[in-house]
Every structure is written in C-alpha cells, then in structure tokens.
Amino acid sequence: MSSPTYGPPRPAPTPWFTGLFVAAFVAVLTAVAVFAFGVALGRIQPVLAVCINLVAVGGAAPTVWRWRSVLVVRWVVYGLGAGVGLGWIALILDMI
C-alpha cells in the first residue's frame, strides 16, 4: 500500500513531441502565407508590401503576446513567430 501524497498537485508533463509538431506545422503555413502575400504585394508596390507586413504583424502582436501563456496555444504562438521570421527572410532572399 502506498502512502498518500500531500501538497499541490504536480503539473502534467510538457508534450514536447506534439507541441513541436504543431509549432513546426504552424511555422510552415505562416511562412508560406507571409511569403506569398509579400510577393504578390511586392509586384504591385514594394514599399506597400513592407508597410502592410509591418502593420499586420504589429497589429497582431499584442494579442498573440497574451496568448503565449495559454498551455495549448503557446505552441501555435511559437510557430507564428518562427513562421513570420522565416517568411520575412524568404522575402529578403527573393529580392536579392
């Protein structure tokens, strides 16, 4: 017979495999969307593409920043951040 445990309940273990899979999936989708949107706008007006990308990310950033503390949604937030960064790098490399 085991002895009872006292104190606060232990948190569940972090689901690293599932979380990293979700973050990678969201990062790929976000990078493709940012790249495609940037290329389409860049063909019209490159300055407009940069401005709209900055406004879109700047407008979404406060909401996404609050979501990072929610256990399940934090993996999506990590993927969004990585995807935007990768999309911007791809856009810069496409311009060279």
Protein backbone atom coordinates (compact mmCIF):
# COMPACT_ATOMS: atom_id res chain seq x y z
CA MET A 1 0.00 0.00 0.00
CA SER A 2 1.41 3.39 -0.95
CA SER A 3 1.47 6.37 1.32
CA PRO A 4 -0.71 9.36 0.44
CA THR A 5 1.00 12.37 -1.11
CA TYR A 6 0.42 15.82 0.24
CA GLY A 7 0.90 19.22 -1.26
CA PRO A 8 -0.10 20.83 -4.51
CA PRO A 9 -0.81 18.54 -7.47
CA ARG A 10 2.03 18.07 -9.91
CA PRO A 11 1.60 19.67 -13.32
CA ALA A 12 1.22 17.38 -16.29
CA PRO A 13 4.41 16.75 -18.26
CA THR A 14 5.06 19.02 -21.22
CA PRO A 15 4.00 17.36 -24.52
CA TRP A 16 7.21 18.18 -26.40
CA PHE A 17 6.67 15.99 -29.45
CA THR A 18 3.13 17.13 -30.12
CA GLY A 19 3.93 20.75 -29.28
CA LEU A 20 6.95 20.93 -31.55
CA PHE A 21 4.98 19.27 -34.36
CA VAL A 22 2.19 21.85 -34.01
CA ALA A 23 4.71 24.70 -33.85
CA ALA A 24 6.53 23.45 -36.97
CA PHE A 25 3.26 22.98 -38.88
CA VAL A 26 2.06 26.49 -38.00
CA ALA A 27 5.50 27.92 -38.84
CA VAL A 28 5.43 26.39 -42.33
CA LEU A 29 1.88 27.59 -43.02
CA THR A 30 2.67 31.08 -41.73
CA ALA A 31 5.94 31.34 -43.66
CA VAL A 32 4.24 30.34 -46.91
CA ALA A 33 1.40 32.81 -46.32
CA VAL A 34 3.72 35.70 -45.45
CA PHE A 35 5.95 34.95 -48.43
CA ALA A 36 3.08 34.62 -50.92
CA PHE A 37 1.36 37.75 -49.61
CA GLY A 38 4.62 39.70 -49.70
CA VAL A 39 5.49 38.61 -53.23
CA ALA A 40 2.02 39.47 -54.53
CA LEU A 41 2.11 42.92 -52.93
CA GLY A 42 5.74 43.44 -53.93
CA ARG A 43 4.80 43.10 -57.58
CA ILE A 44 2.35 45.97 -57.14
CA GLN A 45 4.45 48.23 -54.91
CA PRO A 46 7.43 47.04 -52.79
CA VAL A 47 7.07 49.84 -50.22
CA LEU A 48 3.40 48.95 -49.79
CA ALA A 49 4.34 45.31 -49.19
CA VAL A 50 6.77 46.25 -46.41
CA CYS A 51 4.31 48.66 -44.78
CA ILE A 52 1.39 46.23 -44.83
CA ASN A 53 3.55 43.41 -43.44
CA LEU A 54 4.72 45.63 -40.57
CA VAL A 55 1.20 46.85 -39.83
CA ALA A 56 -0.24 43.32 -39.90
CA VAL A 57 2.41 41.91 -37.57
CA GLY A 58 2.35 44.97 -35.32
CA GLY A 59 -1.42 44.78 -35.03
CA ALA A 60 -1.50 41.08 -34.22
CA ALA A 61 1.50 41.12 -31.85
CA PRO A 62 -0.29 42.33 -28.67
CA THR A 63 -2.97 39.67 -28.93
CA VAL A 64 -0.51 36.91 -29.75
CA TRP A 65 1.75 38.04 -26.89
CA ARG A 66 -1.10 37.47 -24.42
CA TRP A 67 -1.79 34.01 -25.84
CA ARG A 68 1.73 32.75 -25.12
CA SER A 69 0.82 31.85 -21.54
CA VAL A 70 -2.09 29.55 -22.50
CA LEU A 71 -0.82 25.97 -22.33
CA VAL A 72 -2.01 24.63 -25.68
CA VAL A 73 -1.99 27.87 -27.66
CA ARG A 74 1.63 28.66 -26.75
CA TRP A 75 2.85 26.17 -29.35
CA VAL A 76 0.83 27.95 -32.03
CA VAL A 77 2.31 31.27 -30.89
CA TYR A 78 5.85 29.88 -31.20
CA GLY A 79 5.03 28.66 -34.69
CA LEU A 80 3.57 32.01 -35.69
CA GLY A 81 6.68 33.84 -34.53
CA ALA A 82 9.01 31.47 -36.34
CA GLY A 83 6.86 31.49 -39.47
CA VAL A 84 6.77 35.27 -39.73
CA GLY A 85 10.52 35.41 -39.30
CA LEU A 86 11.10 32.71 -41.91
CA GLY A 87 8.66 34.37 -44.31
CA TRP A 88 10.45 37.70 -44.00
CA ILE A 89 13.84 36.04 -44.54
CA ALA A 90 12.47 34.31 -47.64
CA LEU A 91 11.15 37.64 -48.94
CA ILE A 92 14.51 39.31 -48.41
CA LEU A 93 16.33 36.46 -50.15
CA ASP A 94 13.81 36.64 -53.02
CA MET A 95 14.60 40.33 -53.53
CA ILE A 96 18.34 39.68 -53.87
